[in-house]
C-alpha atoms as a PDB file:
ATOM      1  CA  MET A   1      -1.908  10.050 -38.478  1.00  0.00           C
ATOM      2  CA  GLN A   2      -0.818   6.923 -36.698  1.00  0.00           C
ATOM      3  CA  LYS A   3      -1.500   9.078 -33.088  1.00  0.00           C
ATOM      4  CA  ALA A   4      -5.099   9.340 -34.419  1.00  0.00           C
ATOM      5  CA  LEU A   5      -5.083   5.676 -35.524  1.00  0.00           C
ATOM      6  CA  ASN A   6      -3.884   5.137 -32.178  1.00  0.00           C
ATOM      7  CA  LYS A   7      -6.655   6.630 -30.611  1.00  0.00           C
ATOM      8  CA  PHE A   8      -9.391   5.794 -32.751  1.00  0.00           C
ATOM      9  CA  ILE A   9      -8.843   1.659 -33.076  1.00  0.00           C
ATOM     10  CA  PRO A  10      -9.873   1.515 -29.012  1.00  0.00           C
ATOM     11  CA  LEU A  11     -12.909   3.563 -29.800  1.00  0.00           C
ATOM     12  CA  ALA A  12     -13.524   1.080 -32.535  1.00  0.00           C
ATOM     13  CA  TYR A  13     -13.429  -1.683 -30.227  1.00  0.00           C
ATOM     14  CA  GLY A  14     -15.292  -0.548 -27.791  1.00  0.00           C
ATOM     15  CA  ALA A  15     -18.619   0.811 -30.058  1.00  0.00           C
ATOM     16  CA  TYR A  16     -18.229  -2.839 -31.369  1.00  0.00           C
ATOM     17  CA  PHE A  17     -18.815  -4.485 -28.004  1.00  0.00           C
ATOM     18  CA  ASN A  18     -21.564  -1.733 -27.470  1.00  0.00           C
ATOM     19  CA  SER A  19     -23.095  -3.127 -30.413  1.00  0.00           C
ATOM     20  CA  LEU A  20     -22.854  -6.848 -29.891  1.00  0.00           C
ATOM     21  CA  SER A  21     -24.112  -6.418 -26.301  1.00  0.00           C
ATOM     22  CA  LEU A  22     -27.552  -5.266 -27.192  1.00  0.00           C
ATOM     23  CA  PHE A  23     -27.569  -9.049 -29.053  1.00  0.00           C
ATOM     24  CA  SER A  24     -25.536 -11.293 -26.853  1.00  0.00           C
ATOM     25  CA  GLN A  25     -23.879  -9.905 -23.429  1.00  0.00           C
ATOM     26  CA  GLN A  26     -22.015 -13.270 -22.971  1.00  0.00           C
ATOM     27  CA  GLU A  27     -20.036 -12.876 -26.847  1.00  0.00           C
ATOM     28  CA  ALA A  28     -19.611  -9.266 -26.166  1.00  0.00           C
ATOM     29  CA  ALA A  29     -17.943 -10.042 -22.647  1.00  0.00           C
ATOM     30  CA  LYS A  30     -16.187 -12.950 -24.438  1.00  0.00           C
ATOM     31  CA  LYS A  31     -14.583 -10.699 -27.065  1.00  0.00           C
ATOM     32  CA  ALA A  32     -13.539  -8.450 -24.671  1.00  0.00           C
ATOM     33  CA  PHE A  33     -11.495 -10.149 -22.546  1.00  0.00           C
ATOM     34  CA  GLN A  34      -9.774 -12.214 -24.954  1.00  0.00           C
ATOM     35  CA  LEU A  35      -8.964  -8.495 -26.775  1.00  0.00           C
ATOM     36  CA  PHE A  36      -7.974  -7.667 -23.005  1.00  0.00           C
ATOM     37  CA  CYS A  37      -5.780 -10.843 -22.747  1.00  0.00           C
ATOM     38  CA  THR A  38      -3.687 -10.448 -25.766  1.00  0.00           C
ATOM     39  CA  PRO A  39      -0.117  -9.061 -26.026  1.00  0.00           C
ATOM     40  CA  ARG A  40       0.343  -6.231 -29.023  1.00  0.00           C
ATOM     41  CA  LYS A  41       4.247  -7.106 -28.519  1.00  0.00           C
ATOM     42  CA  GLY A  42       6.603  -8.449 -25.780  1.00  0.00           C
ATOM     43  CA  LYS A  43       8.623 -10.958 -28.355  1.00  0.00           C
ATOM     44  CA  VAL A  44      11.922 -11.156 -28.150  1.00  0.00           C
ATOM     45  CA  LEU A  45      13.360  -8.563 -30.959  1.00  0.00           C
ATOM     46  CA  SER A  46      16.243  -9.114 -32.911  1.00  0.00           C
ATOM     47  CA  ALA A  47      18.781  -7.140 -30.950  1.00  0.00           C
ATOM     48  CA  GLN A  48      17.993  -9.310 -27.390  1.00  0.00           C
ATOM     49  CA  SER A  49      18.275 -12.240 -29.130  1.00  0.00           C
ATOM     50  CA  ALA A  50      21.857 -13.243 -28.556  1.00  0.00           C
ATOM     51  CA  TYR A  51      21.696 -12.423 -24.929  1.00  0.00           C
ATOM     52  CA  LEU A  52      18.737 -14.686 -23.951  1.00  0.00           C
ATOM     53  CA  ASP A  53      20.325 -17.410 -26.707  1.00  0.00           C
ATOM     54  CA  ASP A  54      23.186 -17.750 -24.643  1.00  0.00           C
ATOM     55  CA  ALA A  55      20.990 -18.249 -21.742  1.00  0.00           C
ATOM     56  CA  ARG A  56      18.632 -20.279 -22.947  1.00  0.00           C
ATOM     57  CA  HIS A  57      18.072 -23.263 -21.238  1.00  0.00           C
ATOM     58  CA  GLN A  58      15.051 -25.806 -21.898  1.00  0.00           C
ATOM     59  CA  ARG A  59      11.403 -25.818 -22.514  1.00  0.00           C
ATOM     60  CA  LEU A  60       8.471 -26.708 -20.031  1.00  0.00           C
ATOM     61  CA  GLN A  61       4.858 -27.588 -20.792  1.00  0.00           C
ATOM     62  CA  ALA A  62       2.016 -26.069 -19.100  1.00  0.00           C
ATOM     63  CA  MET A  63      -1.318 -25.337 -19.900  1.00  0.00           C
ATOM     64  CA  ASN A  64      -0.476 -26.565 -23.322  1.00  0.00           C
ATOM     65  CA  ILE A  65       1.818 -24.324 -23.370  1.00  0.00           C
ATOM     66  CA  GLU A  66       5.630 -24.618 -24.530  1.00  0.00           C
ATOM     67  CA  LEU A  67       7.250 -21.782 -22.031  1.00  0.00           C
ATOM     68  CA  GLN A  68      11.100 -21.002 -22.511  1.00  0.00           C
ATOM     69  CA  THR A  69      13.334 -21.045 -19.221  1.00  0.00           C
ATOM     70  CA  TYR A  70      16.456 -19.185 -19.026  1.00  0.00           C
ATOM     71  CA  GLN A  71      19.298 -20.278 -16.603  1.00  0.00           C
ATOM     72  CA  TRP A  72      22.454 -18.314 -15.275  1.00  0.00           C
ATOM     73  CA  LYS A  73      23.758 -20.599 -13.538  1.00  0.00           C
ATOM     74  CA  GLY A  74      25.428 -19.942  -9.948  1.00  0.00           C
ATOM     75  CA  ASP A  75      26.080 -21.584  -6.546  1.00  0.00           C
ATOM     76  CA  LYS A  76      24.023 -19.561  -4.166  1.00  0.00           C
ATOM     77  CA  ASP A  77      20.023 -19.548  -3.750  1.00  0.00           C
ATOM     78  CA  THR A  78      17.932 -20.009  -6.937  1.00  0.00           C
ATOM     79  CA  VAL A  79      16.248 -16.658  -8.115  1.00  0.00           C
ATOM     80  CA  LEU A  80      13.144 -16.664 -10.106  1.00  0.00           C
ATOM     81  CA  LEU A  81      12.647 -13.161 -11.596  1.00  0.00           C
ATOM     82  CA  LEU A  82       8.877 -12.668 -13.448  1.00  0.00           C
ATOM     83  CA  HIS A  83       8.197 -10.285 -16.120  1.00  0.00           C
ATOM     84  CA  GLY A  84       5.802  -8.094 -16.740  1.00  0.00           C
ATOM     85  CA  TRP A  85       2.772  -7.102 -19.260  1.00  0.00           C
ATOM     86  CA  GLU A  86       4.519  -6.897 -23.503  1.00  0.00           C
ATOM     87  CA  SER A  87       7.739  -7.688 -21.854  1.00  0.00           C
ATOM     88  CA  ASN A  88      10.264 -10.485 -21.770  1.00  0.00           C
ATOM     89  CA  SER A  89      12.943 -11.981 -20.066  1.00  0.00           C
ATOM     90  CA  PHE A  90      15.450  -9.500 -21.338  1.00  0.00           C
ATOM     91  CA  ARG A  91      14.051  -7.476 -19.367  1.00  0.00           C
ATOM     92  CA  TRP A  92      16.175  -8.575 -16.337  1.00  0.00           C
ATOM     93  CA  ARG A  93      19.271  -7.815 -18.011  1.00  0.00           C
ATOM     94  CA  LYS A  94      20.694  -5.185 -15.800  1.00  0.00           C
ATOM     95  CA  LEU A  95      19.487  -6.984 -12.612  1.00  0.00           C
ATOM     96  CA  ILE A  96      20.816 -10.108 -13.762  1.00  0.00           C
ATOM     97  CA  ALA A  97      24.308  -8.676 -13.909  1.00  0.00           C
ATOM     98  CA  PHE A  98      24.141  -8.228 -10.062  1.00  0.00           C
ATOM     99  CA  LEU A  99      22.792 -11.296  -9.473  1.00  0.00           C
ATOM    100  CA  LYS A 100      25.712 -13.165 -11.423  1.00  0.00           C
ATOM    101  CA  ASP A 101      28.508 -10.950  -9.874  1.00  0.00           C
ATOM    102  CA  GLU A 102      26.897 -12.934  -6.729  1.00  0.00           C
ATOM    103  CA  ASN A 103      26.554 -16.147  -7.889  1.00  0.00           C
ATOM    104  CA  TYR A 104      23.101 -16.632  -7.263  1.00  0.00           C
ATOM    105  CA  ASN A 105      21.666 -19.307  -9.513  1.00  0.00           C
ATOM    106  CA  ILE A 106      19.120 -17.309 -11.732  1.00  0.00           C
ATOM    107  CA  ILE A 107      15.902 -18.666 -13.761  1.00  0.00           C
ATOM    108  CA  ALA A 108      13.864 -16.739 -15.737  1.00  0.00           C
ATOM    109  CA  PHE A 109      10.762 -17.797 -18.035  1.00  0.00           C
ATOM    110  CA  ASP A 110       9.051 -16.021 -20.964  1.00  0.00           C
ATOM    111  CA  ALA A 111       5.298 -15.471 -20.060  1.00  0.00           C
ATOM    112  CA  PRO A 112       2.909 -17.043 -22.281  1.00  0.00           C
ATOM    113  CA  ALA A 113       2.113 -15.170 -25.548  1.00  0.00           C
ATOM    114  CA  HIS A 114       5.596 -13.558 -24.676  1.00  0.00           C
ATOM    115  CA  GLY A 115       9.303 -13.665 -25.705  1.00  0.00           C
ATOM    116  CA  ASN A 116       9.908 -17.119 -27.311  1.00  0.00           C
ATOM    117  CA  SER A 117       7.037 -19.249 -25.203  1.00  0.00           C
ATOM    118  CA  THR A 118       4.224 -20.197 -27.320  1.00  0.00           C
ATOM    119  CA  GLY A 119       0.398 -19.001 -26.912  1.00  0.00           C
ATOM    120  CA  SER A 120      -1.736 -16.309 -27.660  1.00  0.00           C
ATOM    121  CA  ILE A 121      -3.310 -14.805 -24.820  1.00  0.00           C
ATOM    122  CA  PHE A 122      -1.998 -13.889 -21.005  1.00  0.00           C
ATOM    123  CA  ASN A 123      -3.574 -13.102 -17.815  1.00  0.00           C
ATOM    124  CA  VAL A 124      -2.425 -13.658 -14.489  1.00  0.00           C
ATOM    125  CA  ALA A 125      -4.745 -16.323 -13.724  1.00  0.00           C
ATOM    126  CA  LEU A 126      -2.714 -18.471 -16.740  1.00  0.00           C
ATOM    127  CA  TYR A 127       0.618 -16.591 -15.411  1.00  0.00           C
ATOM    128  CA  THR A 128       0.001 -18.609 -12.019  1.00  0.00           C
ATOM    129  CA  GLU A 129      -0.759 -21.899 -13.368  1.00  0.00           C
ATOM    130  CA  CYS A 130       2.350 -21.553 -15.396  1.00  0.00           C
ATOM    131  CA  THR A 131       4.712 -19.945 -12.431  1.00  0.00           C
ATOM    132  CA  LYS A 132       3.419 -23.368 -10.514  1.00  0.00           C
ATOM    133  CA  VAL A 133       5.321 -25.443 -13.153  1.00  0.00           C
ATOM    134  CA  ILE A 134       9.002 -23.084 -12.971  1.00  0.00           C
ATOM    135  CA  VAL A 135       8.395 -22.964  -9.186  1.00  0.00           C
ATOM    136  CA  ASP A 136       7.846 -26.778  -8.899  1.00  0.00           C
ATOM    137  CA  ALA A 137      10.771 -27.505 -11.335  1.00  0.00           C
ATOM    138  CA  TYR A 138      13.321 -25.424 -10.216  1.00  0.00           C
ATOM    139  CA  LYS A 139      12.418 -24.634  -6.183  1.00  0.00           C
ATOM    140  CA  PRO A 140      13.552 -20.970  -6.089  1.00  0.00           C
ATOM    141  CA  LYS A 141      13.588 -19.499  -3.033  1.00  0.00           C
ATOM    142  CA  ILE A 142      13.552 -16.061  -3.919  1.00  0.00           C
ATOM    143  CA  ILE A 143      10.759 -14.518  -6.599  1.00  0.00           C
ATOM    144  CA  ILE A 144      11.694 -11.174  -8.030  1.00  0.00           C
ATOM    145  CA  GLY A 145       8.008  -9.686  -9.990  1.00  0.00           C
ATOM    146  CA  HIS A 146       7.866  -6.547 -12.318  1.00  0.00           C
ATOM    147  CA  SER A 147       4.694  -5.064 -12.998  1.00  0.00           C
ATOM    148  CA  VAL A 148       2.148  -8.101 -13.834  1.00  0.00           C
ATOM    149  CA  GLY A 149       4.841  -9.966 -12.496  1.00  0.00           C
ATOM    150  CA  GLY A 150       4.647  -8.774  -8.957  1.00  0.00           C
ATOM    151  CA  MET A 151       0.782  -9.253  -9.325  1.00  0.00           C
ATOM    152  CA  ASN A 152       1.021 -12.725 -10.545  1.00  0.00           C
ATOM    153  CA  THR A 153       3.997 -13.291  -7.469  1.00  0.00           C
ATOM    154  CA  LEU A 154       1.093 -12.926  -5.069  1.00  0.00           C
ATOM    155  CA  TYR A 155      -1.536 -14.907  -6.527  1.00  0.00           C
ATOM    156  CA  HIS A 156       0.546 -17.735  -7.172  1.00  0.00           C
ATOM    157  CA  GLN A 157       1.543 -17.797  -3.653  1.00  0.00           C
ATOM    158  CA  GLU A 158      -2.182 -17.090  -2.573  1.00  0.00           C
ATOM    159  CA  LYS A 159      -3.096 -20.231  -4.888  1.00  0.00           C
ATOM    160  CA  TYR A 160      -0.355 -22.474  -4.249  1.00  0.00           C
ATOM    161  CA  PRO A 161       1.782 -21.786  -1.094  1.00  0.00           C
ATOM    162  CA  ASP A 162       5.316 -22.700  -1.289  1.00  0.00           C
ATOM    163  CA  SER A 163       7.239 -23.120   2.145  1.00  0.00           C
ATOM    164  CA  GLU A 164      10.294 -23.346  -0.098  1.00  0.00           C
ATOM    165  CA  ILE A 165      10.397 -19.352  -1.058  1.00  0.00           C
ATOM    166  CA  GLU A 166      11.477 -17.389   1.698  1.00  0.00           C
ATOM    167  CA  LYS A 167      11.259 -13.885  -0.299  1.00  0.00           C
ATOM    168  CA  ILE A 168       9.222 -12.016  -2.711  1.00  0.00           C
ATOM    169  CA  VAL A 169      10.188  -8.735  -4.549  1.00  0.00           C
ATOM    170  CA  THR A 170       7.352  -6.658  -6.385  1.00  0.00           C
ATOM    171  CA  ILE A 171       8.407  -3.715  -8.423  1.00  0.00           C
ATOM    172  CA  GLY A 172       5.564  -1.088 -10.021  1.00  0.00           C
ATOM    173  CA  SER A 173       3.063  -4.067  -9.282  1.00  0.00           C
ATOM    174  CA  PRO A 174      -0.964  -3.871  -9.448  1.00  0.00           C
ATOM    175  CA  SER A 175      -3.230  -4.668  -7.128  1.00  0.00           C
ATOM    176  CA  LYS A 176      -7.017  -4.673  -7.650  1.00  0.00           C
ATOM    177  CA  LEU A 177      -8.154  -6.310 -10.883  1.00  0.00           C
ATOM    178  CA  GLN A 178     -11.015  -4.009 -10.762  1.00  0.00           C
ATOM    179  CA  ASP A 179      -8.983  -0.851 -11.600  1.00  0.00           C
ATOM    180  CA  VAL A 180      -7.356  -2.440 -14.223  1.00  0.00           C
ATOM    181  CA  MET A 181     -10.265  -3.278 -15.360  1.00  0.00           C
ATOM    182  CA  GLN A 182     -12.047   0.122 -15.537  1.00  0.00           C
ATOM    183  CA  GLN A 183      -8.787   1.334 -17.293  1.00  0.00           C
ATOM    184  CA  TYR A 184      -9.499  -0.948 -20.046  1.00  0.00           C
ATOM    185  CA  GLN A 185     -13.460   0.171 -19.822  1.00  0.00           C
ATOM    186  CA  GLN A 186     -12.297   3.626 -19.978  1.00  0.00           C
ATOM    187  CA  LEU A 187      -9.836   3.438 -23.154  1.00  0.00           C
ATOM    188  CA  LEU A 188     -12.740   1.356 -24.787  1.00  0.00           C
ATOM    189  CA  LYS A 189     -15.516   3.670 -23.731  1.00  0.00           C
ATOM    190  CA  PHE A 190     -17.824   0.099 -23.578  1.00  0.00           C
ATOM    191  CA  ASN A 191     -20.584   0.530 -21.726  1.00  0.00           C
ATOM    192  CA  ASP A 192     -21.999  -1.586 -18.095  1.00  0.00           C
ATOM    193  CA  VAL A 193     -23.403  -4.276 -19.699  1.00  0.00           C
ATOM    194  CA  VAL A 194     -20.124  -5.556 -21.159  1.00  0.00           C
ATOM    195  CA  PHE A 195     -17.972  -4.623 -17.846  1.00  0.00           C
ATOM    196  CA  ASN A 196     -21.120  -6.635 -15.815  1.00  0.00           C
ATOM    197  CA  GLY A 197     -20.667  -9.909 -18.812  1.00  0.00           C
ATOM    198  CA  LEU A 198     -16.890  -9.820 -18.251  1.00  0.00           C
ATOM    199  CA  ASP A 199     -17.602  -9.590 -14.188  1.00  0.00           C
ATOM    200  CA  ASP A 200     -19.605 -12.880 -15.194  1.00  0.00           C
ATOM    201  CA  TYR A 201     -17.316 -14.436 -17.443  1.00  0.00           C
ATOM    202  CA  ILE A 202     -14.462 -14.154 -15.001  1.00  0.00           C
ATOM    203  CA  LEU A 203     -15.868 -15.910 -12.291  1.00  0.00           C
ATOM    204  CA  LYS A 204     -17.367 -18.483 -14.803  1.00  0.00           C
ATOM    205  CA  ASN A 205     -13.787 -18.993 -16.039  1.00  0.00           C
ATOM    206  CA  TYR A 206     -11.633 -17.975 -13.383  1.00  0.00           C
ATOM    207  CA  GLY A 207     -13.484 -18.597 -10.212  1.00  0.00           C
ATOM    208  CA  PHE A 208     -13.678 -15.009  -9.104  1.00  0.00           C
ATOM    209  CA  ARG A 209     -15.225 -11.341  -9.306  1.00  0.00           C
ATOM    210  CA  ILE A 210     -13.504  -8.949 -10.922  1.00  0.00           C
ATOM    211  CA  HIS A 211     -13.589  -6.800  -7.081  1.00  0.00           C
ATOM    212  CA  GLU A 212     -12.739  -9.688  -5.425  1.00  0.00           C
ATOM    213  CA  PHE A 213      -9.030 -10.328  -6.817  1.00  0.00           C
ATOM    214  CA  ASN A 214      -7.058  -7.645  -4.785  1.00  0.00           C
ATOM    215  CA  SER A 215      -3.272  -8.287  -3.611  1.00  0.00           C
ATOM    216  CA  SER A 216      -3.694  -6.621  -0.534  1.00  0.00           C
ATOM    217  CA  ASP A 217      -6.119  -9.287   0.698  1.00  0.00           C
ATOM    218  CA  PHE A 218      -3.701 -12.377  -0.051  1.00  0.00           C
ATOM    219  CA  LYS A 219      -2.673 -13.873   2.568  1.00  0.00           C
ATOM    220  CA  GLY A 220      -0.378 -16.599   0.786  1.00  0.00           C
ATOM    221  CA  HIS A 221       2.792 -14.495   1.095  1.00  0.00           C
ATOM    222  CA  LEU A 222       2.064 -13.011   4.622  1.00  0.00           C
ATOM    223  CA  ASP A 223       4.998 -15.035   6.606  1.00  0.00           C
ATOM    224  CA  LYS A 224       7.533 -14.561   3.460  1.00  0.00           C
ATOM    225  CA  LYS A 225       9.843 -11.672   3.704  1.00  0.00           C
ATOM    226  CA  GLY A 226       8.922  -8.942   1.349  1.00  0.00           C
ATOM    227  CA  LEU A 227      10.118  -5.916  -0.654  1.00  0.00           C
ATOM    228  CA  ILE A 228       8.077  -4.011  -2.152  1.00  0.00           C
ATOM    229  CA  ILE A 229       9.305  -1.456  -4.606  1.00  0.00           C
ATOM    230  CA  HIS A 230       7.249   1.759  -6.276  1.00  0.00           C
ATOM    231  CA  ASP A 231       8.258   4.857  -8.308  1.00  0.00           C
ATOM    232  CA  ARG A 232       5.686   7.979  -6.552  1.00  0.00           C
ATOM    233  CA  ARG A 233       5.889   8.773 -10.419  1.00  0.00           C
ATOM    234  CA  ASP A 234       4.685   5.733 -12.028  1.00  0.00           C
ATOM    235  CA  THR A 235       1.994   6.683 -15.058  1.00  0.00           C
ATOM    236  CA  ILE A 236       1.496   2.858 -15.703  1.00  0.00           C
ATOM    237  CA  ILE A 237       0.690   1.375 -12.398  1.00  0.00           C
ATOM    238  CA  PRO A 238      -0.010   4.165  -9.847  1.00  0.00           C
ATOM    239  CA  PHE A 239       2.222   3.802  -6.850  1.00  0.00           C
ATOM    240  CA  SER A 240      -1.295   4.131  -4.597  1.00  0.00           C
ATOM    241  CA  ALA A 241      -1.085   0.361  -5.821  1.00  0.00           C
ATOM    242  CA  SER A 242       1.537  -0.781  -3.371  1.00  0.00           C
ATOM    243  CA  GLU A 243       0.476   1.003  -0.216  1.00  0.00           C
ATOM    244  CA  PRO A 244      -2.105  -1.141   0.427  1.00  0.00           C
ATOM    245  CA  VAL A 245      -0.171  -3.875  -0.297  1.00  0.00           C
ATOM    246  CA  HIS A 246       2.331  -3.147   2.252  1.00  0.00           C
ATOM    247  CA  ALA A 247      -0.168  -2.355   5.327  1.00  0.00           C
ATOM    248  CA  SER A 248      -1.304  -5.640   5.013  1.00  0.00           C
ATOM    249  CA  TRP A 249       2.344  -7.810   4.956  1.00  0.00           C
ATOM    250  CA  LYS A 250       3.462  -6.844   8.057  1.00  0.00           C
ATOM    251  CA  ASN A 251       6.958  -8.566   7.225  1.00  0.00           C
ATOM    252  CA  SER A 252       7.525  -6.604   4.238  1.00  0.00           C
ATOM    253  CA  GLU A 253      10.003  -3.582   3.507  1.00  0.00           C
ATOM    254  CA  PHE A 254       8.376  -0.686   1.550  1.00  0.00           C
ATOM    255  CA  TYR A 255      11.567   1.070  -0.850  1.00  0.00           C
ATOM    256  CA  THR A 256      10.459   3.900  -2.862  1.00  0.00           C
ATOM    257  CA  THR A 257      11.952   5.740  -5.715  1.00  0.00           C
ATOM    258  CA  GLU A 258      11.044   9.577  -7.461  1.00  0.00           C
ATOM    259  CA  GLY A 259      11.016   9.649 -11.086  1.00  0.00           C
ATOM    260  CA  TYR A 260      12.040   6.551 -12.181  1.00  0.00           C
ATOM    261  CA  GLY A 261       8.611   5.948 -13.620  1.00  0.00           C
ATOM    262  CA  HIS A 262       7.830   2.278 -14.353  1.00  0.00           C
ATOM    263  CA  SER A 263      10.815  -0.020 -16.148  1.00  0.00           C
ATOM    264  CA  MET A 264      12.983   0.533 -12.761  1.00  0.00           C
ATOM    265  CA  HIS A 265      16.365  -0.610 -14.367  1.00  0.00           C
ATOM    266  CA  HIS A 266      18.290   1.343 -12.141  1.00  0.00           C
ATOM    267  CA  ASP A 267      21.339   0.489 -10.369  1.00  0.00           C
ATOM    268  CA  GLU A 268      19.824   1.806  -7.513  1.00  0.00           C
ATOM    269  CA  VAL A 269      16.840  -0.065  -7.309  1.00  0.00           C
ATOM    270  CA  ASN A 270      18.766  -3.496  -8.493  1.00  0.00           C
ATOM    271  CA  LEU A 271      21.432  -2.858  -5.547  1.00  0.00           C
ATOM    272  CA  ARG A 272      18.435  -2.286  -2.908  1.00  0.00           C
ATOM    273  CA  ILE A 273      16.860  -5.664  -4.388  1.00  0.00           C
ATOM    274  CA  LEU A 274      20.682  -7.122  -3.565  1.00  0.00           C
ATOM    275  CA  ASP A 275      20.335  -6.169  -0.155  1.00  0.00           C
ATOM    276  CA  PHE A 276      17.474  -7.461   0.974  1.00  0.00           C
ATOM    277  CA  ILE A 277      17.880 -10.820  -0.782  1.00  0.00           C
ATOM    278  CA  LYS A 278      21.452 -10.877   0.855  1.00  0.00           C
ATOM    279  CA  SER A 279      19.974  -9.579   4.040  1.00  0.00           C
END
């Protein structure tokens, strides 16, 4: 029953947006974008609380949002960890163990509408503005981003180039916003009138069209050392998303896995990250 409901609900939303677009393309696009940007999960679960509470640090303000930061103190370079969609800082626990053993100073924060941070919506443009506040406060030399967190890392460097950042790691990250939005359209089955309205809405509010947002076209990160990690069987973000990013980033290494999926919590992956940031 639940499986049938999960399949029906997106189609119901799509039908609603299609109907609404007959009267107002702008309103349909606005509501479609709000739904797209609303996480369904990612808040801290009871089983995660003790781990994060032990490291809970200060709360910083950005874009009328209170961002919860976490710190595991160390004497080496500061490493900033950026989680992805419908996740929170707890997802880094296994990598954090490796980084703590090497005495790195570790910073993580819950993205808007995730974890212990406030807010109700989440998108890369908003994530980037919040990341800027964190980077300005903690001055990391290394940034590691998973999934949308990796895309956000590259967009942050495109919009706010930071000479203090020396190394970047992306894990299972998307590249083209157009691919993501087309998947959204296919899931909900809304028409091209709504899609074109979304394109106009994003241009008006964020300054770029859907097809213009592509990590492989960004240049702000190209002078940094990069490690791109992706699993060939990733069913969430296809492996092909990372190939053009690596091709355009001459100063990057490409580490591929087979059968690890999207989350990439494996020791082999974490050790490869550690080798990269220590080199």
